């Protein structure tokens, strides 16, 4: 238990974690072909940005709650983005029977 207390994460550790989450999301966007996987990767990148907001608020301006408020706003926008994206994907799958983004050149047809 003392070991856990002595290695409490610092500002630098949180930023490295956030950068790692963003990098994993970026890899997912660039490497995946399935539209839902790409959407999930984008959400991971967005969540790493939200994580940064909370961490910066905690360490740079701990007396205010601006970072948390902005994080909640970004989470709400991300939820709306997922709903719109999933609606597009359901429609796309209904018409083309695939979610492979390499096989969908346009939304026309």
Foldseek 3Di string as FASTA:
>chain_A
DVVCVVCDDDLVNLLVVLVVQLVQLVCQLVPDQFLVSNLVSVVSNLVSVLSVLVSCCVPVPVVDCVSVVVSVVSVVVSVVVVVVSVVLQVVVCVVPVGRGNVVDPDPDD
